[in-house]
Structure formats: structure tokens, C-alpha cells
């Protein structure tokens, strides 16, 4: 992954080069870090995360409005002709920024069981998505701390169709699932873009095992979270995920099953409301016996050792902070 230097070899106001002549592997910890931490817009980064959900809502609204215009349909009547469904994954990239991957689908008015009208072609949907990405934005509340900010989509935008298999008219469920599954496991803690627990003070942020730039973003969340005009964003409770409050995976109600339906299925299963199909070859053993509870003696020793290690680590962190050390990996 080469980062080519500029021919004129420019430097920022802090004296750092604005180019790099090194070749980096994908797992190089330097990949994703700003060339100059002092120049990097941490405030804009955090505010983008905090407004990403609202920006996505503006995007989906813009897609529907474009489609209504393209079909010559009043916006309020679009649902009588087609349904726009989506599934979206939020991926934390190495630069500690959220990147959305989404599947957008057009169905008929009855959902996936019906077809979209003939005018709602693949090209029309692509145009709608591109227009919505270019026109959607969110204006952030003004503040003396950072001035005026407007959140929009970046330059890394790519839209392309997911093609059906040769013997099918629609993309297979496995093809769509495979595309989304590549990104769904990459949360803030797994990518190093934050931590997997909530922080409650600046001391927690200083003690977090993250790199310098992620720590700066977490600190920015904490400072911005103290501003009255941004109180509604709850940046301090979400400093561990760099201000992003959304789910990693979301989908519209008509795209697939919902979390509510899954919770109901689990509740039915626990109550025993769901029963296997009658099968004469199936024998159900209804006898129960008490086996035990708690740790086995060996597992108890193992758990105690882990607890002691964690307690020692917390004590070391607090000691380093008290002595003025900056804790990092």
C-alpha cells in the first residue's frame, strides 16, 4: 500500500511532510493514522460519527423522493407503487472512521413477494442512490468551540448492482449475506477504533489501550460532550465508540426479519411454544437430574488467576497515571 510523496514535497504548518514514500502492508499499524496529528480534524471526525444515523435517514428519504419524481408519482403515494428496502452494515475502518456498506432493494407495494414497476429499473435506482449521496447533509448545531459544521458523505462512494445467479431472476440470499458478513464483525473494539466498554472519565481514556490518535478522538468526544449545545448527542457515554451511537447492522422493516420478531421467536422457544414436527422415530427424554452449579475446582483456580491479573493491570494503570505516565501499548 504505497503512499506516494508529492513532487513539491510540501509540509504542514507543524513541519510534517504531507506525503509518504514508504510501502505499508495492510496490517501495518501506521495505516490509517494521520500524517500530522495536530492538523487532523478530530472535531469533524467525531461530529460525523455522532450525526451518521441522521445522515443515513436523510439519504434514504432523498432516495425515495428521487424515485417518486422519476416515476411521476406524488411522494405520499410512492408506497402504493413500490417499497424501498435496505440492509446496512457500519464498518470501523483502520482510520477509526465509520464506513457504511448497504444493500438497497426495490420491491412492489406488497414487499419482496411482489415486483417493482417496470419503470423502476436498475439504472433508475443507481441514479437515485448517487443523487441522494451527493445531496444529503446534516447541519450541526453552531458552537463557539468549533464554529459551523456540516456533515455529508465523503468521496469514497461506490454503487453497483448485485447480479442474480444465472438460473435466477434475483440475487441469492447467500450472495447478499456473504457481502454483508465481511463487515458485520468489525466493531470499534475489534478494529482498535475505540474500546469495547464505556469510559466514565478522562482518566479512563488516558488508561485505554489504544493508539495516540484514537485516544485523541475519545478525548475529543469527552470535551465536546461537555458543551450544552451538543448534550443531546451524548458524546461522553459514547466516547468508547468515538461518538458513533448506531447499531453495526440495521435493516428496514420490509427487507428481512426484525429484531422484534427474533425476540418473539426466542421467547416462544424458551416457553416451549414451538414444537418439532411429529416424527414416529423421534424419542423425547423428559427426565432431568441435577449435575451441579458453579466452577469446577480447576476452572475456579483459572478464573481466580484471571481476576488477579486484571486487578493488577488496573492497579498498574492507575499508578502510571498518578506518576504522570501516558499509558499505551
C-alpha atoms as a PDB file:
ATOM      1  CA  UNK A   1       0.000   0.000   0.000  1.00  0.00           C
ATOM      2  CA  UNK A   2       2.269   2.821  -1.207  1.00  0.00           C
ATOM      3  CA  UNK A   3       1.546   6.401  -0.197  1.00  0.00           C
ATOM      4  CA  UNK A   4       3.196   8.465  -2.907  1.00  0.00           C
ATOM      5  CA  UNK A   5       5.047  11.654  -1.938  1.00  0.00           C
ATOM      6  CA  UNK A   6       4.226  14.957  -3.593  1.00  0.00           C
ATOM      7  CA  UNK A   7       6.803  16.238  -6.113  1.00  0.00           C
ATOM      8  CA  UNK A   8       6.952  19.634  -4.468  1.00  0.00           C
ATOM      9  CA  UNK A   9       7.422  17.931  -1.042  1.00  0.00           C
ATOM     10  CA  UNK A  10       5.038  20.222   0.859  1.00  0.00           C
ATOM     11  CA  UNK A  11       4.959  20.390   4.643  1.00  0.00           C
ATOM     12  CA  UNK A  12       2.147  21.328   7.007  1.00  0.00           C
ATOM     13  CA  UNK A  13       2.365  24.251   9.398  1.00  0.00           C
ATOM     14  CA  UNK A  14       3.779  21.915  12.031  1.00  0.00           C
ATOM     15  CA  UNK A  15       6.687  20.943   9.781  1.00  0.00           C
ATOM     16  CA  UNK A  16       5.467  17.449   8.885  1.00  0.00           C
ATOM     17  CA  UNK A  17       5.524  16.132   5.319  1.00  0.00           C
ATOM     18  CA  UNK A  18       2.217  15.833   3.511  1.00  0.00           C
ATOM     19  CA  UNK A  19       3.351  12.690   1.708  1.00  0.00           C
ATOM     20  CA  UNK A  20       4.943   9.323   2.491  1.00  0.00           C
ATOM     21  CA  UNK A  21       7.390   7.275   0.421  1.00  0.00           C
ATOM     22  CA  UNK A  22       7.007   4.066   2.438  1.00  0.00           C
ATOM     23  CA  UNK A  23       5.186   0.940   1.301  1.00  0.00           C
ATOM     24  CA  UNK A  24       2.847  -0.390   4.006  1.00  0.00           C
ATOM     25  CA  UNK A  25       1.316  -3.819   4.463  1.00  0.00           C
ATOM     26  CA  UNK A  26      -2.381  -3.961   5.255  1.00  0.00           C
ATOM     27  CA  UNK A  27      -1.710  -4.860   8.904  1.00  0.00           C
ATOM     28  CA  UNK A  28       0.851  -2.085   9.415  1.00  0.00           C
ATOM     29  CA  UNK A  29      -0.258  -0.089  12.498  1.00  0.00           C
ATOM     30  CA  UNK A  30       0.701   3.111  10.665  1.00  0.00           C
ATOM     31  CA  UNK A  31      -2.039   2.573   8.072  1.00  0.00           C
ATOM     32  CA  UNK A  32      -4.928   4.898   8.785  1.00  0.00           C
ATOM     33  CA  UNK A  33      -3.029   7.293  11.025  1.00  0.00           C
ATOM     34  CA  UNK A  34      -2.988  10.990  10.052  1.00  0.00           C
ATOM     35  CA  UNK A  35       0.290  12.326   8.667  1.00  0.00           C
ATOM     36  CA  UNK A  36       0.052  15.168  11.175  1.00  0.00           C
ATOM     37  CA  UNK A  37      -1.979  14.555  14.355  1.00  0.00           C
ATOM     38  CA  UNK A  38      -2.053  18.278  15.130  1.00  0.00           C
ATOM     39  CA  UNK A  39      -3.603  19.121  11.753  1.00  0.00           C
ATOM     40  CA  UNK A  40      -6.182  16.320  11.856  1.00  0.00           C
ATOM     41  CA  UNK A  41      -9.808  17.420  12.256  1.00  0.00           C
ATOM     42  CA  UNK A  42     -10.786  15.359  15.303  1.00  0.00           C
ATOM     43  CA  UNK A  43     -13.845  17.541  15.888  1.00  0.00           C
ATOM     44  CA  UNK A  44     -15.173  16.911  12.372  1.00  0.00           C
ATOM     45  CA  UNK A  45     -14.440  13.180  12.735  1.00  0.00           C
ATOM     46  CA  UNK A  46     -16.409  12.894  15.987  1.00  0.00           C
ATOM     47  CA  UNK A  47     -19.290  15.048  14.779  1.00  0.00           C
ATOM     48  CA  UNK A  48     -19.598  12.915  11.643  1.00  0.00           C
ATOM     49  CA  UNK A  49     -19.923   9.808  13.785  1.00  0.00           C
ATOM     50  CA  UNK A  50     -22.473  11.479  16.049  1.00  0.00           C
ATOM     51  CA  UNK A  51     -24.667  12.504  13.091  1.00  0.00           C
ATOM     52  CA  UNK A  52     -24.148   9.432  10.881  1.00  0.00           C
ATOM     53  CA  UNK A  53     -27.527   7.949  11.783  1.00  0.00           C
ATOM     54  CA  UNK A  54     -29.366  11.158  10.966  1.00  0.00           C
ATOM     55  CA  UNK A  55     -27.391  11.486   7.734  1.00  0.00           C
ATOM     56  CA  UNK A  56     -28.433   7.963   6.731  1.00  0.00           C
ATOM     57  CA  UNK A  57     -32.087   8.856   7.343  1.00  0.00           C
ATOM     58  CA  UNK A  58     -31.695  11.925   5.129  1.00  0.00           C
ATOM     59  CA  UNK A  59     -30.118   9.699   2.469  1.00  0.00           C
ATOM     60  CA  UNK A  60     -32.970   7.172   2.443  1.00  0.00           C
ATOM     61  CA  UNK A  61     -35.534   9.993   2.311  1.00  0.00           C
ATOM     62  CA  UNK A  62     -33.706  11.510  -0.670  1.00  0.00           C
ATOM     63  CA  UNK A  63     -33.701   8.135  -2.458  1.00  0.00           C
ATOM     64  CA  UNK A  64     -37.473   7.819  -2.061  1.00  0.00           C
ATOM     65  CA  UNK A  65     -38.076  11.383  -3.224  1.00  0.00           C
ATOM     66  CA  UNK A  66     -35.935  10.864  -6.338  1.00  0.00           C
ATOM     67  CA  UNK A  67     -37.781   7.656  -7.185  1.00  0.00           C
ATOM     68  CA  UNK A  68     -41.147   9.357  -6.803  1.00  0.00           C
ATOM     69  CA  UNK A  69     -40.040  12.115  -9.169  1.00  0.00           C
ATOM     70  CA  UNK A  70     -38.620   9.586 -11.660  1.00  0.00           C
ATOM     71  CA  UNK A  71     -41.895   7.670 -11.690  1.00  0.00           C
ATOM     72  CA  UNK A  72     -44.081  10.773 -11.890  1.00  0.00           C
ATOM     73  CA  UNK A  73     -45.725   9.811  -8.597  1.00  0.00           C
ATOM     74  CA  UNK A  74     -46.607  12.085  -5.661  1.00  0.00           C
ATOM     75  CA  UNK A  75     -44.200  11.387  -2.805  1.00  0.00           C
ATOM     76  CA  UNK A  76     -47.050  10.476  -0.486  1.00  0.00           C
ATOM     77  CA  UNK A  77     -48.229   7.799  -2.972  1.00  0.00           C
ATOM     78  CA  UNK A  78     -44.876   6.106  -3.627  1.00  0.00           C
ATOM     79  CA  UNK A  79     -45.689   3.260  -1.232  1.00  0.00           C
ATOM     80  CA  UNK A  80     -48.640   2.291  -3.407  1.00  0.00           C
ATOM     81  CA  UNK A  81     -46.249   1.516  -6.269  1.00  0.00           C
ATOM     82  CA  UNK A  82     -43.007   0.286  -4.710  1.00  0.00           C
ATOM     83  CA  UNK A  83     -41.131  -0.193  -1.444  1.00  0.00           C
ATOM     84  CA  UNK A  84     -37.506   0.805  -0.880  1.00  0.00           C
ATOM     85  CA  UNK A  85     -35.828  -1.704   1.441  1.00  0.00           C
ATOM     86  CA  UNK A  86     -32.271  -1.774   2.704  1.00  0.00           C
ATOM     87  CA  UNK A  87     -29.776  -3.575   4.908  1.00  0.00           C
ATOM     88  CA  UNK A  88     -26.812  -1.583   6.206  1.00  0.00           C
ATOM     89  CA  UNK A  89     -23.565  -2.504   7.955  1.00  0.00           C
ATOM     90  CA  UNK A  90     -21.406   0.080   9.731  1.00  0.00           C
ATOM     91  CA  UNK A  91     -17.720  -0.881   9.485  1.00  0.00           C
ATOM     92  CA  UNK A  92     -14.975   0.746  11.551  1.00  0.00           C
ATOM     93  CA  UNK A  93     -12.051   1.223   9.195  1.00  0.00           C
ATOM     94  CA  UNK A  94      -8.388   1.350  10.180  1.00  0.00           C
ATOM     95  CA  UNK A  95      -8.531   5.142  10.195  1.00  0.00           C
ATOM     96  CA  UNK A  96     -11.081   4.812  13.030  1.00  0.00           C
ATOM     97  CA  UNK A  97     -13.903   6.164  10.853  1.00  0.00           C
ATOM     98  CA  UNK A  98     -17.298   4.566  10.240  1.00  0.00           C
ATOM     99  CA  UNK A  99     -17.861   3.382   6.671  1.00  0.00           C
ATOM    100  CA  UNK A 100     -21.311   2.216   5.545  1.00  0.00           C
ATOM    101  CA  UNK A 101     -21.966  -0.785   3.313  1.00  0.00           C
ATOM    102  CA  UNK A 102     -25.581  -1.106   2.237  1.00  0.00           C
ATOM    103  CA  UNK A 103     -27.813  -3.212   0.037  1.00  0.00           C
ATOM    104  CA  UNK A 104     -30.757  -1.238  -1.395  1.00  0.00           C
ATOM    105  CA  UNK A 105     -33.625  -3.150  -2.978  1.00  0.00           C
ATOM    106  CA  UNK A 106     -36.798  -2.152  -4.813  1.00  0.00           C
ATOM    107  CA  UNK A 107     -39.897  -4.303  -4.257  1.00  0.00           C
ATOM    108  CA  UNK A 108     -43.502  -3.979  -5.241  1.00  0.00           C
ATOM    109  CA  UNK A 109     -46.079  -2.493  -2.855  1.00  0.00           C
ATOM    110  CA  UNK A 110     -46.514  -5.867  -1.119  1.00  0.00           C
ATOM    111  CA  UNK A 111     -42.812  -6.210  -0.334  1.00  0.00           C
ATOM    112  CA  UNK A 112     -40.464  -8.937  -1.525  1.00  0.00           C
ATOM    113  CA  UNK A 113     -43.367 -11.069  -2.727  1.00  0.00           C
ATOM    114  CA  UNK A 114     -44.192  -8.526  -5.452  1.00  0.00           C
ATOM    115  CA  UNK A 115     -42.182  -6.907  -8.232  1.00  0.00           C
ATOM    116  CA  UNK A 116     -41.367  -3.226  -8.577  1.00  0.00           C
ATOM    117  CA  UNK A 117     -42.990  -1.373 -11.512  1.00  0.00           C
ATOM    118  CA  UNK A 118     -41.272  -1.585 -14.896  1.00  0.00           C
ATOM    119  CA  UNK A 119     -40.004   1.999 -14.772  1.00  0.00           C
ATOM    120  CA  UNK A 120     -38.069   1.304 -11.537  1.00  0.00           C
ATOM    121  CA  UNK A 121     -35.054  -0.124 -13.311  1.00  0.00           C
ATOM    122  CA  UNK A 122     -31.562  -0.839 -12.107  1.00  0.00           C
ATOM    123  CA  UNK A 123     -30.285   2.390 -13.680  1.00  0.00           C
ATOM    124  CA  UNK A 124     -33.022   4.453 -12.039  1.00  0.00           C
ATOM    125  CA  UNK A 125     -32.100   3.045  -8.620  1.00  0.00           C
ATOM    126  CA  UNK A 126     -28.390   3.733  -9.207  1.00  0.00           C
ATOM    127  CA  UNK A 127     -29.201   7.309 -10.203  1.00  0.00           C
ATOM    128  CA  UNK A 128     -31.362   7.723  -7.091  1.00  0.00           C
ATOM    129  CA  UNK A 129     -28.604   6.449  -4.810  1.00  0.00           C
ATOM    130  CA  UNK A 130     -25.949   8.665  -6.416  1.00  0.00           C
ATOM    131  CA  UNK A 131     -28.185  11.733  -6.262  1.00  0.00           C
ATOM    132  CA  UNK A 132     -29.059  11.089  -2.604  1.00  0.00           C
ATOM    133  CA  UNK A 133     -25.412  10.637  -1.629  1.00  0.00           C
ATOM    134  CA  UNK A 134     -24.441  13.900  -3.330  1.00  0.00           C
ATOM    135  CA  UNK A 135     -27.313  15.981  -1.914  1.00  0.00           C
ATOM    136  CA  UNK A 136     -27.811  14.695   1.638  1.00  0.00           C
ATOM    137  CA  UNK A 137     -26.270  16.561   4.573  1.00  0.00           C
ATOM    138  CA  UNK A 138     -26.859  17.444   8.221  1.00  0.00           C
ATOM    139  CA  UNK A 139     -26.097  20.846   9.740  1.00  0.00           C
ATOM    140  CA  UNK A 140     -24.508  20.599  13.194  1.00  0.00           C
ATOM    141  CA  UNK A 141     -25.542  22.958  15.973  1.00  0.00           C
ATOM    142  CA  UNK A 142     -23.303  26.057  15.942  1.00  0.00           C
ATOM    143  CA  UNK A 143     -20.827  26.455  18.764  1.00  0.00           C
ATOM    144  CA  UNK A 144     -18.103  28.910  19.735  1.00  0.00           C
ATOM    145  CA  UNK A 145     -15.895  25.860  20.322  1.00  0.00           C
ATOM    146  CA  UNK A 146     -15.750  24.809  16.651  1.00  0.00           C
ATOM    147  CA  UNK A 147     -17.840  27.277  14.633  1.00  0.00           C
ATOM    148  CA  UNK A 148     -20.148  25.911  11.942  1.00  0.00           C
ATOM    149  CA  UNK A 149     -20.022  22.292  10.769  1.00  0.00           C
ATOM    150  CA  UNK A 150     -21.953  20.458   8.057  1.00  0.00           C
ATOM    151  CA  UNK A 151     -21.874  16.665   7.839  1.00  0.00           C
ATOM    152  CA  UNK A 152     -22.141  14.912   4.475  1.00  0.00           C
ATOM    153  CA  UNK A 153     -20.916  11.855   2.615  1.00  0.00           C
ATOM    154  CA  UNK A 154     -17.262  11.580   1.654  1.00  0.00           C
ATOM    155  CA  UNK A 155     -15.550  10.884  -1.651  1.00  0.00           C
ATOM    156  CA  UNK A 156     -15.357   7.098  -1.183  1.00  0.00           C
ATOM    157  CA  UNK A 157     -18.737   6.382  -2.745  1.00  0.00           C
ATOM    158  CA  UNK A 158     -19.355   3.356  -4.936  1.00  0.00           C
ATOM    159  CA  UNK A 159     -22.680   1.951  -6.119  1.00  0.00           C
ATOM    160  CA  UNK A 160     -23.051  -1.137  -8.260  1.00  0.00           C
ATOM    161  CA  UNK A 161     -25.703  -3.809  -8.821  1.00  0.00           C
ATOM    162  CA  UNK A 162     -25.588  -7.203  -7.123  1.00  0.00           C
ATOM    163  CA  UNK A 163     -26.195  -9.519 -10.057  1.00  0.00           C
ATOM    164  CA  UNK A 164     -28.512 -12.558  -9.839  1.00  0.00           C
ATOM    165  CA  UNK A 165     -27.252 -16.062 -10.418  1.00  0.00           C
ATOM    166  CA  UNK A 166     -27.621 -17.438 -13.989  1.00  0.00           C
ATOM    167  CA  UNK A 167     -30.658 -19.568 -13.079  1.00  0.00           C
ATOM    168  CA  UNK A 168     -32.431 -16.886 -11.033  1.00  0.00           C
ATOM    169  CA  UNK A 169     -34.105 -13.521 -11.526  1.00  0.00           C
ATOM    170  CA  UNK A 170     -32.888 -12.072  -8.219  1.00  0.00           C
ATOM    171  CA  UNK A 171     -29.618 -12.165  -6.259  1.00  0.00           C
ATOM    172  CA  UNK A 172     -29.417 -15.142  -3.942  1.00  0.00           C
ATOM    173  CA  UNK A 173     -29.783 -14.652  -0.190  1.00  0.00           C
ATOM    174  CA  UNK A 174     -26.370 -16.253   0.307  1.00  0.00           C
ATOM    175  CA  UNK A 175     -24.697 -13.769  -2.076  1.00  0.00           C
ATOM    176  CA  UNK A 176     -26.157 -10.794  -0.209  1.00  0.00           C
ATOM    177  CA  UNK A 177     -25.415 -12.354   3.187  1.00  0.00           C
ATOM    178  CA  UNK A 178     -21.846 -13.072   2.155  1.00  0.00           C
ATOM    179  CA  UNK A 179     -21.323  -9.470   1.088  1.00  0.00           C
ATOM    180  CA  UNK A 180     -22.630  -8.094   4.391  1.00  0.00           C
ATOM    181  CA  UNK A 181     -20.930 -10.681   6.608  1.00  0.00           C
ATOM    182  CA  UNK A 182     -17.467  -9.456   5.596  1.00  0.00           C
ATOM    183  CA  UNK A 183     -18.035  -6.274   7.578  1.00  0.00           C
ATOM    184  CA  UNK A 184     -20.557  -7.070  10.292  1.00  0.00           C
ATOM    185  CA  UNK A 185     -17.978  -8.351  12.814  1.00  0.00           C
ATOM    186  CA  UNK A 186     -15.801  -5.234  12.727  1.00  0.00           C
ATOM    187  CA  UNK A 187     -16.863  -3.222  15.770  1.00  0.00           C
ATOM    188  CA  UNK A 188     -14.884  -0.455  17.453  1.00  0.00           C
ATOM    189  CA  UNK A 189     -13.149  -2.777  19.886  1.00  0.00           C
ATOM    190  CA  UNK A 190     -12.166  -5.358  17.256  1.00  0.00           C
ATOM    191  CA  UNK A 191     -10.541  -2.817  14.917  1.00  0.00           C
ATOM    192  CA  UNK A 192      -8.763  -0.785  17.594  1.00  0.00           C
ATOM    193  CA  UNK A 193     -11.051   2.176  16.805  1.00  0.00           C
ATOM    194  CA  UNK A 194     -12.093   2.636  20.413  1.00  0.00           C
ATOM    195  CA  UNK A 195     -12.734   0.153  23.228  1.00  0.00           C
ATOM    196  CA  UNK A 196     -15.490  -2.367  23.959  1.00  0.00           C
ATOM    197  CA  UNK A 197     -16.508  -0.850  27.297  1.00  0.00           C
ATOM    198  CA  UNK A 198     -17.856   2.538  28.334  1.00  0.00           C
ATOM    199  CA  UNK A 199     -15.479   5.105  29.790  1.00  0.00           C
ATOM    200  CA  UNK A 200     -16.562   7.294  32.692  1.00  0.00           C
ATOM    201  CA  UNK A 201     -13.720   9.808  32.987  1.00  0.00           C
ATOM    202  CA  UNK A 202     -10.722  11.318  31.239  1.00  0.00           C
ATOM    203  CA  UNK A 203      -8.582   9.017  33.377  1.00  0.00           C
ATOM    204  CA  UNK A 204     -10.260   6.010  31.746  1.00  0.00           C
ATOM    205  CA  UNK A 205      -9.419   7.455  28.331  1.00  0.00           C
ATOM    206  CA  UNK A 206      -5.786   8.025  29.290  1.00  0.00           C
ATOM    207  CA  UNK A 207      -5.560   4.447  30.542  1.00  0.00           C
ATOM    208  CA  UNK A 208      -7.236   2.875  27.496  1.00  0.00           C
ATOM    209  CA  UNK A 209      -5.041   0.506  25.493  1.00  0.00           C
ATOM    210  CA  UNK A 210      -5.387   2.355  22.183  1.00  0.00           C
ATOM    211  CA  UNK A 211      -3.046   4.316  19.939  1.00  0.00           C
ATOM    212  CA  UNK A 212      -2.434   8.036  20.303  1.00  0.00           C
ATOM    213  CA  UNK A 213      -4.844   9.101  17.582  1.00  0.00           C
ATOM    214  CA  UNK A 214      -7.772   7.021  18.836  1.00  0.00           C
ATOM    215  CA  UNK A 215      -7.130   8.389  22.323  1.00  0.00           C
ATOM    216  CA  UNK A 216      -7.287  11.910  20.860  1.00  0.00           C
ATOM    217  CA  UNK A 217     -10.672  11.119  19.271  1.00  0.00           C
ATOM    218  CA  UNK A 218     -12.000   9.695  22.545  1.00  0.00           C
ATOM    219  CA  UNK A 219     -10.779  12.820  24.338  1.00  0.00           C
ATOM    220  CA  UNK A 220     -12.495  14.988  21.732  1.00  0.00           C
ATOM    221  CA  UNK A 221     -15.758  13.141  22.435  1.00  0.00           C
ATOM    222  CA  UNK A 222     -15.348  13.869  26.118  1.00  0.00           C
ATOM    223  CA  UNK A 223     -14.643  17.578  25.616  1.00  0.00           C
ATOM    224  CA  UNK A 224     -17.432  18.094  23.075  1.00  0.00           C
ATOM    225  CA  UNK A 225     -19.781  16.133  25.316  1.00  0.00           C
ATOM    226  CA  UNK A 226     -19.425  18.890  27.912  1.00  0.00           C
ATOM    227  CA  UNK A 227     -20.898  21.533  25.588  1.00  0.00           C
ATOM    228  CA  UNK A 228     -24.570  22.341  26.311  1.00  0.00           C
ATOM    229  CA  UNK A 229     -25.367  22.658  22.590  1.00  0.00           C
ATOM    230  CA  UNK A 230     -24.206  19.069  21.993  1.00  0.00           C
ATOM    231  CA  UNK A 231     -25.689  17.485  25.091  1.00  0.00           C
ATOM    232  CA  UNK A 232     -28.333  15.686  23.010  1.00  0.00           C
ATOM    233  CA  UNK A 233     -25.603  13.739  21.179  1.00  0.00           C
ATOM    234  CA  UNK A 234     -24.487  12.019  24.414  1.00  0.00           C
ATOM    235  CA  UNK A 235     -20.878  12.051  23.304  1.00  0.00           C
ATOM    236  CA  UNK A 236     -19.430  11.160  26.698  1.00  0.00           C
ATOM    237  CA  UNK A 237     -21.410   7.932  27.138  1.00  0.00           C
ATOM    238  CA  UNK A 238     -20.382   7.012  23.563  1.00  0.00           C
ATOM    239  CA  UNK A 239     -16.745   8.098  23.740  1.00  0.00           C
ATOM    240  CA  UNK A 240     -15.709   4.418  23.716  1.00  0.00           C
ATOM    241  CA  UNK A 241     -17.026   4.131  20.123  1.00  0.00           C
ATOM    242  CA  UNK A 242     -15.746   7.582  19.089  1.00  0.00           C
ATOM    243  CA  UNK A 243     -19.204   9.154  19.184  1.00  0.00           C
ATOM    244  CA  UNK A 244     -20.982   6.613  16.973  1.00  0.00           C
ATOM    245  CA  UNK A 245     -24.261   5.562  18.608  1.00  0.00           C
ATOM    246  CA  UNK A 246     -25.747   3.359  15.901  1.00  0.00           C
ATOM    247  CA  UNK A 247     -26.003  -0.395  15.546  1.00  0.00           C
ATOM    248  CA  UNK A 248     -23.463  -2.270  13.464  1.00  0.00           C
ATOM    249  CA  UNK A 249     -26.252  -3.942  11.473  1.00  0.00           C
ATOM    250  CA  UNK A 250     -29.624  -2.371  10.629  1.00  0.00           C
ATOM    251  CA  UNK A 251     -32.308  -3.091   8.077  1.00  0.00           C
ATOM    252  CA  UNK A 252     -35.651  -1.663   7.100  1.00  0.00           C
ATOM    253  CA  UNK A 253     -38.726  -3.468   8.395  1.00  0.00           C
ATOM    254  CA  UNK A 254     -39.685  -4.885   4.998  1.00  0.00           C
ATOM    255  CA  UNK A 255     -36.191  -6.035   3.971  1.00  0.00           C
ATOM    256  CA  UNK A 256     -35.970  -9.076   6.213  1.00  0.00           C
ATOM    257  CA  UNK A 257     -36.928 -10.194   9.680  1.00  0.00           C
ATOM    258  CA  UNK A 258     -36.845  -7.671  12.523  1.00  0.00           C
ATOM    259  CA  UNK A 259     -35.230  -7.717  15.958  1.00  0.00           C
ATOM    260  CA  UNK A 260     -38.724  -7.756  17.467  1.00  0.00           C
ATOM    261  CA  UNK A 261     -39.636 -10.878  15.509  1.00  0.00           C
ATOM    262  CA  UNK A 262     -36.406 -12.581  16.555  1.00  0.00           C
ATOM    263  CA  UNK A 263     -37.044 -11.714  20.216  1.00  0.00           C
ATOM    264  CA  UNK A 264     -40.542 -13.182  19.921  1.00  0.00           C
ATOM    265  CA  UNK A 265     -39.151 -16.377  18.380  1.00  0.00           C
ATOM    266  CA  UNK A 266     -36.638 -16.719  21.236  1.00  0.00           C
ATOM    267  CA  UNK A 267     -39.357 -16.102  23.814  1.00  0.00           C
ATOM    268  CA  UNK A 268     -41.570 -18.762  22.194  1.00  0.00           C
ATOM    269  CA  UNK A 269     -38.669 -21.183  22.218  1.00  0.00           C
ATOM    270  CA  UNK A 270     -37.973 -20.601  25.914  1.00  0.00           C
ATOM    271  CA  UNK A 271     -41.660 -21.069  26.758  1.00  0.00           C
ATOM    272  CA  UNK A 272     -41.775 -24.250  24.731  1.00  0.00           C
ATOM    273  CA  UNK A 273     -44.398 -22.871  22.347  1.00  0.00           C
ATOM    274  CA  UNK A 274     -42.526 -24.198  19.335  1.00  0.00           C
ATOM    275  CA  UNK A 275     -42.642 -27.956  18.890  1.00  0.00           C
ATOM    276  CA  UNK A 276     -40.797 -30.180  16.440  1.00  0.00           C
ATOM    277  CA  UNK A 277     -42.760 -31.848  13.692  1.00  0.00           C
ATOM    278  CA  UNK A 278     -44.293 -35.161  14.751  1.00  0.00           C
ATOM    279  CA  UNK A 279     -41.898 -37.933  13.841  1.00  0.00           C
ATOM    280  CA  UNK A 280     -42.540 -41.548  14.895  1.00  0.00           C
ATOM    281  CA  UNK A 281     -38.784 -42.127  15.014  1.00  0.00           C
ATOM    282  CA  UNK A 282     -38.217 -39.256  17.477  1.00  0.00           C
ATOM    283  CA  UNK A 283     -37.967 -40.162  21.155  1.00  0.00           C
ATOM    284  CA  UNK A 284     -38.213 -37.366  23.717  1.00  0.00           C
ATOM    285  CA  UNK A 285     -36.385 -37.934  27.021  1.00  0.00           C
ATOM    286  CA  UNK A 286     -38.144 -35.850  29.689  1.00  0.00           C
ATOM    287  CA  UNK A 287     -36.117 -36.917  32.728  1.00  0.00           C
ATOM    288  CA  UNK A 288     -33.888 -34.303  34.374  1.00  0.00           C
ATOM    289  CA  UNK A 289     -31.226 -34.654  37.037  1.00  0.00           C
ATOM    290  CA  UNK A 290     -29.121 -32.102  38.913  1.00  0.00           C
ATOM    291  CA  UNK A 291     -25.490 -32.130  37.800  1.00  0.00           C
ATOM    292  CA  UNK A 292     -24.042 -29.172  39.682  1.00  0.00           C
ATOM    293  CA  UNK A 293     -23.509 -25.421  39.592  1.00  0.00           C
ATOM    294  CA  UNK A 294     -20.602 -23.022  39.612  1.00  0.00           C
ATOM    295  CA  UNK A 295     -16.995 -23.649  38.658  1.00  0.00           C
ATOM    296  CA  UNK A 296     -15.199 -26.943  38.885  1.00  0.00           C
ATOM    297  CA  UNK A 297     -12.125 -26.771  41.191  1.00  0.00           C
ATOM    298  CA  UNK A 298      -9.795 -26.410  38.196  1.00  0.00           C
ATOM    299  CA  UNK A 299     -11.923 -23.765  36.498  1.00  0.00           C
ATOM    300  CA  UNK A 300     -12.198 -21.838  39.779  1.00  0.00           C
ATOM    301  CA  UNK A 301      -8.406 -21.600  40.041  1.00  0.00           C
ATOM    302  CA  UNK A 302      -8.202 -20.464  36.435  1.00  0.00           C
ATOM    303  CA  UNK A 303     -10.876 -17.779  36.917  1.00  0.00           C
ATOM    304  CA  UNK A 304      -9.198 -16.553  40.090  1.00  0.00           C
ATOM    305  CA  UNK A 305      -5.912 -16.138  38.236  1.00  0.00           C
ATOM    306  CA  UNK A 306      -7.594 -14.085  35.500  1.00  0.00           C
ATOM    307  CA  UNK A 307      -9.297 -11.864  38.092  1.00  0.00           C
ATOM    308  CA  UNK A 308      -5.986 -11.248  39.887  1.00  0.00           C
ATOM    309  CA  UNK A 309      -4.251 -10.371  36.594  1.00  0.00           C
ATOM    310  CA  UNK A 310      -6.965  -7.861  35.719  1.00  0.00           C
ATOM    311  CA  UNK A 311      -6.826  -6.296  39.168  1.00  0.00           C
ATOM    312  CA  UNK A 312      -3.036  -5.969  38.909  1.00  0.00           C
ATOM    313  CA  UNK A 313      -3.324  -4.384  35.460  1.00  0.00           C
ATOM    314  CA  UNK A 314      -5.821  -1.808  36.729  1.00  0.00           C
ATOM    315  CA  UNK A 315      -3.533  -1.000  39.644  1.00  0.00           C
ATOM    316  CA  UNK A 316      -0.551  -0.558  37.304  1.00  0.00           C
ATOM    317  CA  UNK A 317      -2.558   1.755  35.034  1.00  0.00           C
ATOM    318  CA  UNK A 318      -3.679   3.941  37.925  1.00  0.00           C
ATOM    319  CA  UNK A 319      -0.126   4.097  39.284  1.00  0.00           C
ATOM    320  CA  UNK A 320       1.237   5.140  35.886  1.00  0.00           C
ATOM    321  CA  UNK A 321      -1.402   7.856  35.581  1.00  0.00           C
ATOM    322  CA  UNK A 322      -0.627   9.142  39.070  1.00  0.00           C
ATOM    323  CA  UNK A 323       3.076   9.282  38.181  1.00  0.00           C
ATOM    324  CA  UNK A 324       2.343  11.284  35.024  1.00  0.00           C
ATOM    325  CA  UNK A 325       2.980   8.463  32.545  1.00  0.00           C
ATOM    326  CA  UNK A 326       0.998   8.173  29.347  1.00  0.00           C
ATOM    327  CA  UNK A 327      -0.253   4.602  29.175  1.00  0.00           C
ATOM    328  CA  UNK A 328      -0.270   2.914  25.752  1.00  0.00           C
ATOM    329  CA  UNK A 329       0.516  -0.465  24.205  1.00  0.00           C
END
